[in-house]
Structure formats: structure tokens, C-alpha cells
Amino acid sequence: MEQFLTIFQKAVWAIKEPRLFNTERGYQGALIHELKSTIAHAEFPGDPMVEQEYQKTLPHHGINIRPDLIIHIPFERGVTQRRDEGNFAAVEIKLRSTEAQADQDFASLGLMKERLGYPITIFLNIDSSKTYAERCPANIAKQTACFSVRLKNGEPLVLMDRCG
């Protein structure tokens, strides 16, 4: 977990373009780029990939949610026996999140853990200094890291709080 959180934090630190702090999708695209290039050199087993807003379907996954990012080994590669294997991290991203939005994302992350066994869950709040770690539910607290990032004098100011 610590290795992945270090990689995630480095990816967040690398994003400095002010325009990307105006929309969730813009920031998400830059984060995907940074994560892909960093994960490729991390030598995680199974060559995991980063996917955005991958639809989890009831027939295949037992849930119907769309996490902002997932890092996993796709089941279709035939490397794993079940869909709940080969999962690394699920990430929910919000732009200037409210408490209610953070609560909803924590609920989605809880489902990703419960149904698909994601061992790491991350909440990222863009253009804010609030991580909302205090709102993280107990069922995912030990595996969840909450980040906030905003620009200060043109440089990212990144906060990370662990829930558990």
C-alpha cells in the first residue's frame, strides 16, 4: 500500500497546470497520464493498468457504479481466476467536494472493497485543502487515503490523511 500511495502522491505533485484545477475531467486526464508513466516503472506484479470511469456492471461485478479511476489487472487478460483478483486501487475524484459528495464517494469506495476486493481506496479533492478523512467510514478506514490538492503560488499543495 505504501508503495502505491507514494506513486499516487508523486503523480498528484507533478500536476501544475492551473487550467487542470478547473474541472474534474481535466485533472483526471492529467492524473491518468502521470500514474501510467510512474506505474510502468514500479514493477507491480501482473502489469496493472489505469482505467478511467470503468463501468462496473451487475452481471459481472455485482455492483453498478463507475469509479473515477481503477488500477487493476483486467480480468479479460486471463491472468486471474475471478474478477475480484488483480485489483490494486479504486480512486474517487471530486472538484471542491462538499461533505455530501465525499460521503457518496466513500460509499462507492466501500462497495469497491466489499464486492471486488480493492485493497487500496483513495479519495482526492481537487482545488481544496479539505481531505474529508474524518468522514471516512470504518469499513474502509484502514485501507483509505484521502488527498486534497490546490495550487499555491503556482505549485501544488498536497495534503494526505490516512483514515485508519
N, C-alpha and C. Protein backbone atom coordinates (compact mmCIF):
# COMPACT_ATOMS: atom_id res chain seq x y z
N MET A 1 0.82 -1.20 0.00
CA MET A 1 0.00 0.00 0.00
C MET A 1 0.86 1.26 0.00
N GLU A 2 1.89 1.25 0.82
CA GLU A 2 2.73 2.45 0.93
C GLU A 2 3.41 2.78 -0.40
N GLN A 3 3.85 1.75 -1.12
CA GLN A 3 4.50 1.99 -2.41
C GLN A 3 3.52 2.66 -3.37
N PHE A 4 2.28 2.17 -3.41
CA PHE A 4 1.32 2.77 -4.32
C PHE A 4 0.96 4.19 -3.89
N LEU A 5 0.80 4.43 -2.60
CA LEU A 5 0.47 5.79 -2.14
C LEU A 5 1.58 6.77 -2.45
N THR A 6 2.82 6.31 -2.38
CA THR A 6 3.95 7.18 -2.75
C THR A 6 3.87 7.53 -4.24
N ILE A 7 3.58 6.54 -5.06
CA ILE A 7 3.43 6.77 -6.50
C ILE A 7 2.27 7.73 -6.77
N PHE A 8 1.16 7.52 -6.10
CA PHE A 8 -0.01 8.38 -6.29
C PHE A 8 0.31 9.81 -5.89
N GLN A 9 0.96 9.98 -4.75
CA GLN A 9 1.30 11.32 -4.28
C GLN A 9 2.25 12.02 -5.26
N LYS A 10 3.23 11.29 -5.79
CA LYS A 10 4.14 11.88 -6.78
C LYS A 10 3.39 12.32 -8.03
N ALA A 11 2.41 11.53 -8.46
CA ALA A 11 1.62 11.88 -9.63
C ALA A 11 0.82 13.16 -9.37
N VAL A 12 0.26 13.28 -8.19
CA VAL A 12 -0.51 14.48 -7.84
C VAL A 12 0.41 15.70 -7.79
N TRP A 13 1.60 15.54 -7.21
CA TRP A 13 2.57 16.64 -7.14
C TRP A 13 3.00 17.11 -8.53
N ALA A 14 3.00 16.23 -9.50
CA ALA A 14 3.50 16.56 -10.84
C ALA A 14 2.55 17.44 -11.64
N ILE A 15 1.31 17.54 -11.23
CA ILE A 15 0.31 18.30 -12.00
C ILE A 15 0.32 19.75 -11.51
N LYS A 16 0.74 20.65 -12.41
CA LYS A 16 0.91 22.06 -12.03
C LYS A 16 0.16 23.04 -12.92
N GLU A 17 -0.43 22.56 -13.98
CA GLU A 17 -1.12 23.46 -14.91
C GLU A 17 -2.40 24.00 -14.26
N PRO A 18 -2.50 25.32 -14.08
CA PRO A 18 -3.68 25.90 -13.42
C PRO A 18 -5.01 25.52 -14.07
N ARG A 19 -5.03 25.43 -15.37
CA ARG A 19 -6.26 25.10 -16.09
C ARG A 19 -6.84 23.75 -15.63
N LEU A 20 -5.97 22.82 -15.27
CA LEU A 20 -6.40 21.48 -14.87
C LEU A 20 -7.10 21.46 -13.52
N PHE A 21 -6.98 22.52 -12.77
CA PHE A 21 -7.62 22.62 -11.47
C PHE A 21 -9.03 23.22 -11.57
N ASN A 22 -9.50 23.41 -12.81
CA ASN A 22 -10.84 23.98 -13.02
C ASN A 22 -11.92 22.94 -13.26
N THR A 23 -11.51 21.73 -13.68
CA THR A 23 -12.51 20.69 -13.95
C THR A 23 -11.99 19.34 -13.46
N GLU A 24 -12.92 18.53 -13.02
CA GLU A 24 -12.56 17.19 -12.56
C GLU A 24 -11.99 16.36 -13.71
N ARG A 25 -12.61 16.43 -14.86
CA ARG A 25 -12.14 15.61 -16.00
C ARG A 25 -10.77 16.02 -16.51
N GLY A 26 -10.51 17.30 -16.54
CA GLY A 26 -9.20 17.75 -16.98
C GLY A 26 -8.11 17.26 -16.04
N TYR A 27 -8.35 17.40 -14.76
CA TYR A 27 -7.38 16.93 -13.78
C TYR A 27 -7.24 15.41 -13.85
N GLN A 28 -8.35 14.73 -13.99
CA GLN A 28 -8.35 13.27 -14.08
C GLN A 28 -7.49 12.80 -15.24
N GLY A 29 -7.60 13.44 -16.39
CA GLY A 29 -6.80 13.07 -17.55
C GLY A 29 -5.31 13.22 -17.29
N ALA A 30 -4.94 14.32 -16.65
CA ALA A 30 -3.53 14.54 -16.32
C ALA A 30 -3.04 13.51 -15.29
N LEU A 31 -3.89 13.19 -14.33
CA LEU A 31 -3.52 12.21 -13.32
C LEU A 31 -3.32 10.83 -13.94
N ILE A 32 -4.17 10.46 -14.87
CA ILE A 32 -4.01 9.18 -15.56
C ILE A 32 -2.65 9.13 -16.26
N HIS A 33 -2.32 10.19 -16.95
CA HIS A 33 -1.03 10.24 -17.65
C HIS A 33 0.13 10.07 -16.66
N GLU A 34 0.09 10.80 -15.56
CA GLU A 34 1.17 10.71 -14.57
C GLU A 34 1.23 9.33 -13.92
N LEU A 35 0.07 8.77 -13.60
CA LEU A 35 0.06 7.44 -12.98
C LEU A 35 0.58 6.37 -13.92
N LYS A 36 0.15 6.42 -15.18
CA LYS A 36 0.60 5.41 -16.14
C LYS A 36 2.11 5.41 -16.28
N SER A 37 2.70 6.58 -16.39
CA SER A 37 4.15 6.63 -16.58
C SER A 37 4.89 6.19 -15.32
N THR A 38 4.35 6.46 -14.16
CA THR A 38 5.00 6.07 -12.91
C THR A 38 4.81 4.59 -12.62
N ILE A 39 3.61 4.08 -12.82
CA ILE A 39 3.32 2.67 -12.54
C ILE A 39 4.12 1.76 -13.47
N ALA A 40 4.34 2.21 -14.69
CA ALA A 40 5.09 1.39 -15.65
C ALA A 40 6.50 1.06 -15.15
N HIS A 41 7.06 1.93 -14.31
CA HIS A 41 8.42 1.72 -13.81
C HIS A 41 8.45 1.13 -12.39
N ALA A 42 7.28 0.89 -11.82
CA ALA A 42 7.21 0.42 -10.44
C ALA A 42 7.31 -1.09 -10.30
N GLU A 43 7.17 -1.81 -11.39
CA GLU A 43 7.28 -3.26 -11.41
C GLU A 43 6.30 -3.95 -10.47
N PHE A 44 5.04 -3.52 -10.54
CA PHE A 44 3.99 -4.22 -9.82
C PHE A 44 3.72 -5.54 -10.53
N PRO A 45 3.38 -6.59 -9.81
CA PRO A 45 3.13 -7.88 -10.47
C PRO A 45 1.91 -7.83 -11.39
N GLY A 46 2.01 -8.47 -12.53
CA GLY A 46 0.88 -8.59 -13.44
C GLY A 46 0.66 -7.44 -14.38
N ASP A 47 1.53 -6.42 -14.36
CA ASP A 47 1.41 -5.28 -15.27
C ASP A 47 0.03 -4.61 -15.18
N PRO A 48 -0.31 -4.04 -14.01
CA PRO A 48 -1.63 -3.41 -13.88
C PRO A 48 -1.76 -2.18 -14.78
N MET A 49 -3.01 -1.87 -15.10
CA MET A 49 -3.27 -0.69 -15.93
C MET A 49 -4.19 0.28 -15.20
N VAL A 50 -4.16 1.52 -15.66
CA VAL A 50 -5.01 2.58 -15.11
C VAL A 50 -6.14 2.81 -16.10
N GLU A 51 -7.35 2.73 -15.60
CA GLU A 51 -8.51 2.99 -16.45
C GLU A 51 -9.39 4.04 -15.79
N GLN A 52 -10.04 4.83 -16.61
CA GLN A 52 -10.92 5.87 -16.09
C GLN A 52 -12.38 5.49 -16.24
N GLU A 53 -13.13 5.80 -15.22
CA GLU A 53 -14.58 5.65 -15.21
C GLU A 53 -15.04 4.35 -15.86
N TYR A 54 -14.43 3.27 -15.45
CA TYR A 54 -14.78 1.96 -15.97
C TYR A 54 -16.09 1.52 -15.35
N GLN A 55 -17.05 1.17 -16.17
CA GLN A 55 -18.38 0.78 -15.68
C GLN A 55 -18.34 -0.61 -15.07
N LYS A 56 -18.67 -0.68 -13.81
CA LYS A 56 -18.83 -1.97 -13.13
C LYS A 56 -20.29 -2.37 -13.29
N THR A 57 -20.53 -3.55 -13.82
CA THR A 57 -21.90 -3.96 -14.13
C THR A 57 -22.39 -5.03 -13.16
N LEU A 58 -23.68 -5.04 -12.92
CA LEU A 58 -24.28 -6.01 -12.01
C LEU A 58 -24.00 -7.45 -12.41
N PRO A 59 -24.17 -7.83 -13.70
CA PRO A 59 -23.95 -9.24 -14.05
C PRO A 59 -22.50 -9.71 -13.81
N HIS A 60 -21.52 -8.85 -14.07
CA HIS A 60 -20.12 -9.26 -13.95
C HIS A 60 -19.51 -8.94 -12.60
N HIS A 61 -19.92 -7.84 -11.99
CA HIS A 61 -19.23 -7.35 -10.80
C HIS A 61 -20.10 -7.32 -9.54
N GLY A 62 -21.39 -7.46 -9.68
CA GLY A 62 -22.28 -7.41 -8.53
C GLY A 62 -22.58 -6.00 -8.04
N ILE A 63 -22.11 -4.99 -8.78
CA ILE A 63 -22.38 -3.59 -8.45
C ILE A 63 -22.56 -2.82 -9.75
N ASN A 64 -23.14 -1.67 -9.64
CA ASN A 64 -23.35 -0.82 -10.81
C ASN A 64 -22.90 0.60 -10.46
N ILE A 65 -21.59 0.78 -10.36
CA ILE A 65 -21.02 2.10 -10.10
C ILE A 65 -19.90 2.35 -11.09
N ARG A 66 -19.49 3.59 -11.17
CA ARG A 66 -18.47 4.00 -12.10
C ARG A 66 -17.39 4.78 -11.35
N PRO A 67 -16.37 4.08 -10.81
CA PRO A 67 -15.31 4.81 -10.11
C PRO A 67 -14.53 5.68 -11.09
N ASP A 68 -13.98 6.78 -10.59
CA ASP A 68 -13.24 7.69 -11.47
C ASP A 68 -12.00 7.02 -12.06
N LEU A 69 -11.26 6.30 -11.25
CA LEU A 69 -10.08 5.58 -11.73
C LEU A 69 -10.00 4.24 -11.03
N ILE A 70 -9.55 3.25 -11.76
CA ILE A 70 -9.19 1.98 -11.16
C ILE A 70 -7.82 1.58 -11.66
N ILE A 71 -7.07 0.94 -10.80
CA ILE A 71 -5.78 0.38 -11.16
C ILE A 71 -5.92 -1.11 -10.89
N HIS A 72 -5.80 -1.90 -11.97
CA HIS A 72 -6.07 -3.33 -11.85
C HIS A 72 -5.45 -4.10 -13.01
N ILE A 73 -5.50 -5.40 -12.88
CA ILE A 73 -5.16 -6.29 -13.99
C ILE A 73 -6.49 -6.72 -14.57
N PRO A 74 -6.79 -6.34 -15.81
CA PRO A 74 -8.10 -6.69 -16.37
C PRO A 74 -8.34 -8.21 -16.38
N PHE A 75 -9.53 -8.59 -15.97
CA PHE A 75 -9.92 -9.99 -15.92
C PHE A 75 -9.78 -10.66 -17.29
N GLU A 76 -10.05 -9.91 -18.34
CA GLU A 76 -10.03 -10.45 -19.70
C GLU A 76 -8.65 -10.91 -20.15
N ARG A 77 -7.61 -10.51 -19.46
CA ARG A 77 -6.26 -10.98 -19.80
C ARG A 77 -6.08 -12.46 -19.48
N GLY A 78 -6.95 -13.00 -18.64
CA GLY A 78 -6.85 -14.41 -18.28
C GLY A 78 -5.79 -14.71 -17.24
N VAL A 79 -5.29 -13.69 -16.58
CA VAL A 79 -4.25 -13.87 -15.57
C VAL A 79 -4.87 -14.26 -14.22
N THR A 80 -6.08 -13.81 -13.98
CA THR A 80 -6.75 -14.09 -12.71
C THR A 80 -7.93 -15.04 -12.94
N GLN A 81 -8.30 -15.72 -11.88
CA GLN A 81 -9.41 -16.66 -11.95
C GLN A 81 -10.76 -15.99 -11.72
N ARG A 82 -10.76 -14.90 -10.94
CA ARG A 82 -12.00 -14.21 -10.60
C ARG A 82 -11.83 -12.71 -10.79
N ARG A 83 -12.94 -12.02 -10.91
CA ARG A 83 -12.91 -10.57 -11.11
C ARG A 83 -12.47 -9.80 -9.86
N ASP A 84 -12.49 -10.43 -8.71
CA ASP A 84 -12.04 -9.73 -7.50
C ASP A 84 -10.55 -9.96 -7.22
N GLU A 85 -9.84 -10.54 -8.16
CA GLU A 85 -8.39 -10.71 -8.04
C GLU A 85 -7.70 -9.72 -8.98
N GLY A 86 -6.50 -9.34 -8.65
CA GLY A 86 -5.72 -8.44 -9.50
C GLY A 86 -6.12 -6.98 -9.40
N ASN A 87 -6.88 -6.64 -8.38
CA ASN A 87 -7.29 -5.25 -8.19
C ASN A 87 -6.32 -4.57 -7.23
N PHE A 88 -5.87 -3.38 -7.59
CA PHE A 88 -4.90 -2.65 -6.77
C PHE A 88 -5.54 -1.48 -6.03
N ALA A 89 -6.18 -0.57 -6.79
CA ALA A 89 -6.71 0.65 -6.15
C ALA A 89 -7.92 1.16 -6.91
N ALA A 90 -8.85 1.73 -6.14
CA ALA A 90 -10.00 2.45 -6.70
C ALA A 90 -9.91 3.88 -6.20
N VAL A 91 -10.15 4.83 -7.11
CA VAL A 91 -9.98 6.25 -6.79
C VAL A 91 -11.25 7.01 -7.14
N GLU A 92 -11.71 7.82 -6.21
CA GLU A 92 -12.81 8.75 -6.46
C GLU A 92 -12.24 10.15 -6.39
N ILE A 93 -12.62 10.99 -7.37
CA ILE A 93 -12.11 12.34 -7.50
C ILE A 93 -13.27 13.33 -7.48
N LYS A 94 -13.09 14.40 -6.76
CA LYS A 94 -14.08 15.48 -6.75
C LYS A 94 -13.37 16.82 -6.87
N LEU A 95 -14.03 17.76 -7.50
CA LEU A 95 -13.57 19.14 -7.59
C LEU A 95 -14.30 19.93 -6.50
N ARG A 96 -13.53 20.47 -5.55
CA ARG A 96 -14.10 21.24 -4.45
C ARG A 96 -15.29 20.52 -3.81
N SER A 97 -15.07 19.34 -3.35
CA SER A 97 -16.10 18.47 -2.81
C SER A 97 -16.84 19.08 -1.62
N THR A 98 -18.11 18.75 -1.53
CA THR A 98 -18.89 19.04 -0.34
C THR A 98 -18.83 17.81 0.56
N GLU A 99 -19.32 17.94 1.79
CA GLU A 99 -19.37 16.79 2.69
C GLU A 99 -20.25 15.68 2.09
N ALA A 100 -21.40 16.07 1.54
CA ALA A 100 -22.32 15.08 0.97
C ALA A 100 -21.68 14.34 -0.21
N GLN A 101 -20.95 15.05 -1.06
CA GLN A 101 -20.29 14.40 -2.19
C GLN A 101 -19.20 13.45 -1.69
N ALA A 102 -18.45 13.87 -0.68
CA ALA A 102 -17.41 13.00 -0.12
C ALA A 102 -18.05 11.74 0.46
N ASP A 103 -19.15 11.90 1.18
CA ASP A 103 -19.84 10.74 1.75
C ASP A 103 -20.28 9.77 0.67
N GLN A 104 -20.79 10.30 -0.44
CA GLN A 104 -21.23 9.45 -1.55
C GLN A 104 -20.05 8.70 -2.16
N ASP A 105 -18.93 9.38 -2.32
CA ASP A 105 -17.74 8.72 -2.86
C ASP A 105 -17.19 7.66 -1.90
N PHE A 106 -17.23 7.94 -0.61
CA PHE A 106 -16.79 6.93 0.36
C PHE A 106 -17.68 5.70 0.29
N ALA A 107 -18.97 5.90 0.08
CA ALA A 107 -19.89 4.75 -0.06
C ALA A 107 -19.52 3.92 -1.29
N SER A 108 -19.21 4.59 -2.40
CA SER A 108 -18.79 3.87 -3.62
C SER A 108 -17.49 3.11 -3.38
N LEU A 109 -16.55 3.74 -2.70
CA LEU A 109 -15.28 3.06 -2.40
C LEU A 109 -15.52 1.85 -1.50
N GLY A 110 -16.48 1.96 -0.58
CA GLY A 110 -16.82 0.83 0.27
C GLY A 110 -17.35 -0.34 -0.54
N LEU A 111 -18.16 -0.06 -1.55
CA LEU A 111 -18.67 -1.13 -2.42
C LEU A 111 -17.54 -1.75 -3.24
N MET A 112 -16.61 -0.93 -3.69
CA MET A 112 -15.47 -1.45 -4.46
C MET A 112 -14.65 -2.41 -3.59
N LYS A 113 -14.51 -2.11 -2.33
CA LYS A 113 -13.80 -3.01 -1.42
C LYS A 113 -14.61 -4.27 -1.17
N GLU A 114 -15.87 -4.09 -0.82
CA GLU A 114 -16.72 -5.22 -0.43
C GLU A 114 -16.93 -6.22 -1.55
N ARG A 115 -17.25 -5.73 -2.72
CA ARG A 115 -17.61 -6.63 -3.82
C ARG A 115 -16.43 -7.07 -4.67
N LEU A 116 -15.43 -6.21 -4.81
CA LEU A 116 -14.34 -6.53 -5.73
C LEU A 116 -12.96 -6.59 -5.07
N GLY A 117 -12.93 -6.44 -3.77
CA GLY A 117 -11.69 -6.66 -3.03
C GLY A 117 -10.58 -5.66 -3.28
N TYR A 118 -10.90 -4.43 -3.68
CA TYR A 118 -9.83 -3.44 -3.87
C TYR A 118 -9.15 -3.17 -2.53
N PRO A 119 -7.85 -3.43 -2.43
CA PRO A 119 -7.16 -3.28 -1.15
C PRO A 119 -6.79 -1.85 -0.80
N ILE A 120 -6.81 -0.96 -1.79
CA ILE A 120 -6.49 0.45 -1.57
C ILE A 120 -7.63 1.28 -2.14
N THR A 121 -8.13 2.20 -1.35
CA THR A 121 -9.14 3.14 -1.83
C THR A 121 -8.66 4.55 -1.54
N ILE A 122 -8.91 5.44 -2.49
CA ILE A 122 -8.39 6.81 -2.40
C ILE A 122 -9.50 7.79 -2.73
N PHE A 123 -9.58 8.85 -1.94
CA PHE A 123 -10.45 9.99 -2.22
C PHE A 123 -9.54 11.18 -2.48
N LEU A 124 -9.74 11.85 -3.61
CA LEU A 124 -8.93 13.01 -3.99
C LEU A 124 -9.84 14.21 -4.20
N ASN A 125 -9.59 15.28 -3.48
CA ASN A 125 -10.36 16.51 -3.57
C ASN A 125 -9.49 17.57 -4.25
N ILE A 126 -9.89 17.98 -5.44
CA ILE A 126 -9.12 18.92 -6.25
C ILE A 126 -9.51 20.35 -5.92
N ASP A 127 -8.53 21.24 -5.95
CA ASP A 127 -8.71 22.67 -5.71
C ASP A 127 -9.33 22.93 -4.34
N SER A 128 -8.80 22.22 -3.36
CA SER A 128 -9.32 22.33 -2.00
C SER A 128 -8.22 21.95 -1.02
N SER A 129 -8.40 22.33 0.22
CA SER A 129 -7.49 21.90 1.27
C SER A 129 -8.17 20.92 2.23
N LYS A 130 -9.38 20.48 1.87
CA LYS A 130 -10.12 19.53 2.72
C LYS A 130 -9.96 18.11 2.18
N THR A 131 -9.47 17.22 3.04
CA THR A 131 -9.33 15.82 2.64
C THR A 131 -10.56 15.00 2.99
N TYR A 132 -11.34 15.43 3.95
CA TYR A 132 -12.52 14.73 4.46
C TYR A 132 -12.20 13.37 5.08
N ALA A 133 -10.98 13.16 5.49
CA ALA A 133 -10.60 11.88 6.11
C ALA A 133 -11.44 11.58 7.35
N GLU A 134 -11.87 12.61 8.04
CA GLU A 134 -12.68 12.41 9.25
C GLU A 134 -14.06 11.83 8.94
N ARG A 135 -14.48 11.88 7.67
CA ARG A 135 -15.79 11.37 7.26
C ARG A 135 -15.70 9.93 6.71
N CYS A 136 -14.51 9.41 6.63
CA CYS A 136 -14.30 8.07 6.07
C CYS A 136 -14.94 7.03 6.98
N PRO A 137 -15.77 6.15 6.41
CA PRO A 137 -16.43 5.14 7.25
C PRO A 137 -15.46 4.06 7.73
N ALA A 138 -15.80 3.46 8.86
CA ALA A 138 -14.94 2.46 9.50
C ALA A 138 -14.64 1.27 8.60
N ASN A 139 -15.59 0.87 7.73
CA ASN A 139 -15.39 -0.33 6.91
C ASN A 139 -14.27 -0.20 5.88
N ILE A 140 -13.83 1.02 5.58
CA ILE A 140 -12.71 1.19 4.64
C ILE A 140 -11.58 2.03 5.23
N ALA A 141 -11.68 2.38 6.50
CA ALA A 141 -10.72 3.30 7.11
C ALA A 141 -9.27 2.82 7.02
N LYS A 142 -9.02 1.55 7.26
CA LYS A 142 -7.64 1.05 7.29
C LYS A 142 -6.97 1.03 5.92
N GLN A 143 -7.75 1.07 4.86
CA GLN A 143 -7.19 0.96 3.52
C GLN A 143 -7.34 2.25 2.71
N THR A 144 -7.85 3.31 3.32
CA THR A 144 -8.17 4.52 2.57
C THR A 144 -7.23 5.66 2.91
N ALA A 145 -6.79 6.33 1.85
CA ALA A 145 -6.04 7.57 1.98
C ALA A 145 -6.85 8.68 1.31
N CYS A 146 -6.87 9.82 1.96
CA CYS A 146 -7.62 10.97 1.44
C CYS A 146 -6.63 12.09 1.12
N PHE A 147 -6.74 12.60 -0.09
CA PHE A 147 -5.85 13.66 -0.55
C PHE A 147 -6.65 14.91 -0.87
N SER A 148 -6.00 16.04 -0.69
CA SER A 148 -6.50 17.28 -1.25
C SER A 148 -5.32 17.94 -1.96
N VAL A 149 -5.63 18.66 -3.02
CA VAL A 149 -4.57 19.34 -3.76
C VAL A 149 -5.13 20.67 -4.27
N ARG A 150 -4.31 21.70 -4.14
CA ARG A 150 -4.63 23.01 -4.69
C ARG A 150 -3.32 23.69 -5.05
N LEU A 151 -3.42 24.69 -5.89
CA LEU A 151 -2.22 25.43 -6.25
C LEU A 151 -2.02 26.59 -5.28
N LYS A 152 -0.77 26.78 -4.91
CA LYS A 152 -0.39 27.93 -4.09
C LYS A 152 0.88 28.50 -4.70
N ASN A 153 0.78 29.72 -5.19
CA ASN A 153 1.90 30.37 -5.87
C ASN A 153 2.43 29.51 -7.02
N GLY A 154 1.50 28.87 -7.75
CA GLY A 154 1.86 28.09 -8.92
C GLY A 154 2.38 26.69 -8.65
N GLU A 155 2.43 26.29 -7.38
CA GLU A 155 2.92 24.97 -7.01
C GLU A 155 1.82 24.19 -6.31
N PRO A 156 1.75 22.88 -6.56
CA PRO A 156 0.73 22.07 -5.88
C PRO A 156 1.00 21.98 -4.37
N LEU A 157 -0.04 22.18 -3.61
CA LEU A 157 0.00 21.96 -2.19
C LEU A 157 -0.84 20.72 -1.93
N VAL A 158 -0.18 19.62 -1.59
CA VAL A 158 -0.81 18.32 -1.46
C VAL A 158 -0.88 17.92 0.00
N LEU A 159 -2.07 17.56 0.45
CA LEU A 159 -2.26 17.03 1.80
C LEU A 159 -2.73 15.59 1.69
N MET A 160 -2.22 14.72 2.54
CA MET A 160 -2.68 13.35 2.58
C MET A 160 -2.97 13.00 4.04
N ASP A 161 -4.18 12.47 4.25
CA ASP A 161 -4.57 11.99 5.57
C ASP A 161 -4.98 10.53 5.43
N ARG A 162 -4.54 9.73 6.37
CA ARG A 162 -4.97 8.33 6.43
C ARG A 162 -6.20 8.27 7.31
N CYS A 163 -7.12 7.42 6.94
CA CYS A 163 -8.36 7.31 7.71
C CYS A 163 -8.22 6.44 8.93
N GLY A 164 -7.43 5.38 8.84
CA GLY A 164 -7.41 4.40 9.91
C GLY A 164 -6.20 4.40 10.76
